Each structure stands twice: as structure tokens, then as C-alpha cells.
């Protein structure tokens, strides 16, 4: 069963970062999270959106954009 809601360690593994790094993202409000009864939870879709926000265009994509 593929989980939609992840705990901090599961979310860190999904993002391939340490739990400490994920806690830094939380503290600086760089990533969306939920707090329920003292537990920090993440929706997988929010984690995917966070990853998408960090995407860097390839040279071809960058060159193809009309910047001016």
C-alpha cells in the first residue's frame, strides 16, 4: 500500500534528505506540513510540489524560453 500521509522519517527518505535537513525546511517554512497531536505529517503531493519548486531547467529548456 502506497502511503499518502508520511511521518517525518518517511518524508525525509522520500526526499532523500536527512530528517535534520527536513526539520530545517520545516523551521524555515520552506515546506508544507501538518501538525496533529504533536506529530508532524506530510502529504506526498506536497512533497512532490516542493521537489518541483526546486527543479532547475536544462540548458535547452532555458535557452528556449523567451526571457525578454
C-alpha atoms as a PDB file:
ATOM      1  CA  UNK A   1       0.000   0.000   0.000  1.00  0.00           C
ATOM      2  CA  UNK A   2       1.444   3.336  -1.065  1.00  0.00           C
ATOM      3  CA  UNK A   3       1.023   5.868   1.751  1.00  0.00           C
ATOM      4  CA  UNK A   4      -0.360   9.324   1.034  1.00  0.00           C
ATOM      5  CA  UNK A   5       0.454  10.693   4.521  1.00  0.00           C
ATOM      6  CA  UNK A   6       4.049  10.362   5.712  1.00  0.00           C
ATOM      7  CA  UNK A   7       5.823  10.829   9.024  1.00  0.00           C
ATOM      8  CA  UNK A   8       8.998  12.884   9.179  1.00  0.00           C
ATOM      9  CA  UNK A   9      11.396   9.955   8.685  1.00  0.00           C
ATOM     10  CA  UNK A  10       9.337   8.623   5.783  1.00  0.00           C
ATOM     11  CA  UNK A  11       9.151  12.079   4.197  1.00  0.00           C
ATOM     12  CA  UNK A  12      12.912  12.551   4.599  1.00  0.00           C
ATOM     13  CA  UNK A  13      13.512   9.195   2.897  1.00  0.00           C
ATOM     14  CA  UNK A  14      11.111  10.158   0.094  1.00  0.00           C
ATOM     15  CA  UNK A  15      13.026  13.409  -0.479  1.00  0.00           C
ATOM     16  CA  UNK A  16      16.375  11.654   0.059  1.00  0.00           C
ATOM     17  CA  UNK A  17      17.470  14.122   2.706  1.00  0.00           C
ATOM     18  CA  UNK A  18      18.198  13.634   6.390  1.00  0.00           C
ATOM     19  CA  UNK A  19      15.494  14.149   8.988  1.00  0.00           C
ATOM     20  CA  UNK A  20      17.615  17.048  10.283  1.00  0.00           C
ATOM     21  CA  UNK A  21      17.528  18.742   6.886  1.00  0.00           C
ATOM     22  CA  UNK A  22      13.780  18.233   6.690  1.00  0.00           C
ATOM     23  CA  UNK A  23      13.387  19.775  10.150  1.00  0.00           C
ATOM     24  CA  UNK A  24      15.334  22.817   8.892  1.00  0.00           C
ATOM     25  CA  UNK A  25      12.900  23.117   5.976  1.00  0.00           C
ATOM     26  CA  UNK A  26      10.046  22.957   8.489  1.00  0.00           C
ATOM     27  CA  UNK A  27      11.574  25.570  10.807  1.00  0.00           C
ATOM     28  CA  UNK A  28      12.125  27.977   7.915  1.00  0.00           C
ATOM     29  CA  UNK A  29       8.659  27.214   6.458  1.00  0.00           C
ATOM     30  CA  UNK A  30      10.110  26.085   3.133  1.00  0.00           C
ATOM     31  CA  UNK A  31       7.881  23.018   3.032  1.00  0.00           C
ATOM     32  CA  UNK A  32       4.201  22.460   3.811  1.00  0.00           C
ATOM     33  CA  UNK A  33       3.369  20.201   6.740  1.00  0.00           C
ATOM     34  CA  UNK A  34       0.609  19.323   9.177  1.00  0.00           C
ATOM     35  CA  UNK A  35       0.837  19.083  12.930  1.00  0.00           C
ATOM     36  CA  UNK A  36      -1.552  16.659  14.594  1.00  0.00           C
ATOM     37  CA  UNK A  37      -1.290  15.745  18.273  1.00  0.00           C
ATOM     38  CA  UNK A  38       2.376  16.726  18.313  1.00  0.00           C
ATOM     39  CA  UNK A  39       3.262  14.713  15.211  1.00  0.00           C
ATOM     40  CA  UNK A  40       4.495  16.337  12.023  1.00  0.00           C
ATOM     41  CA  UNK A  41       2.847  14.876   8.928  1.00  0.00           C
ATOM     42  CA  UNK A  42       3.304  15.419   5.209  1.00  0.00           C
ATOM     43  CA  UNK A  43       1.112  14.769   2.194  1.00  0.00           C
ATOM     44  CA  UNK A  44       3.040  13.099  -0.583  1.00  0.00           C
ATOM     45  CA  UNK A  45       1.582  15.591  -3.079  1.00  0.00           C
ATOM     46  CA  UNK A  46       3.039  18.474  -1.023  1.00  0.00           C
ATOM     47  CA  UNK A  47       6.452  16.801  -1.063  1.00  0.00           C
ATOM     48  CA  UNK A  48       6.235  16.376  -4.832  1.00  0.00           C
ATOM     49  CA  UNK A  49       5.234  20.043  -5.193  1.00  0.00           C
ATOM     50  CA  UNK A  50       8.232  21.020  -3.040  1.00  0.00           C
ATOM     51  CA  UNK A  51      10.529  18.990  -5.309  1.00  0.00           C
ATOM     52  CA  UNK A  52       9.007  20.589  -8.398  1.00  0.00           C
ATOM     53  CA  UNK A  53       9.694  24.047  -6.945  1.00  0.00           C
ATOM     54  CA  UNK A  54      13.403  23.175  -6.739  1.00  0.00           C
ATOM     55  CA  UNK A  55      13.621  21.997 -10.354  1.00  0.00           C
ATOM     56  CA  UNK A  56      16.306  23.594 -12.490  1.00  0.00           C
ATOM     57  CA  UNK A  57      15.668  23.823 -16.225  1.00  0.00           C
ATOM     58  CA  UNK A  58      18.031  22.068 -18.586  1.00  0.00           C
ATOM     59  CA  UNK A  59      20.109  24.259 -20.871  1.00  0.00           C
ATOM     60  CA  UNK A  60      17.784  23.518 -23.800  1.00  0.00           C
ATOM     61  CA  UNK A  61      14.688  24.441 -21.781  1.00  0.00           C
ATOM     62  CA  UNK A  62      16.345  27.614 -20.505  1.00  0.00           C
ATOM     63  CA  UNK A  63      17.515  28.600 -23.974  1.00  0.00           C
ATOM     64  CA  UNK A  64      14.040  28.014 -25.397  1.00  0.00           C
ATOM     65  CA  UNK A  65      12.363  30.437 -23.005  1.00  0.00           C
ATOM     66  CA  UNK A  66      11.598  33.929 -24.224  1.00  0.00           C
ATOM     67  CA  UNK A  67      13.103  35.936 -21.371  1.00  0.00           C
ATOM     68  CA  UNK A  68      12.578  39.423 -22.789  1.00  0.00           C
END
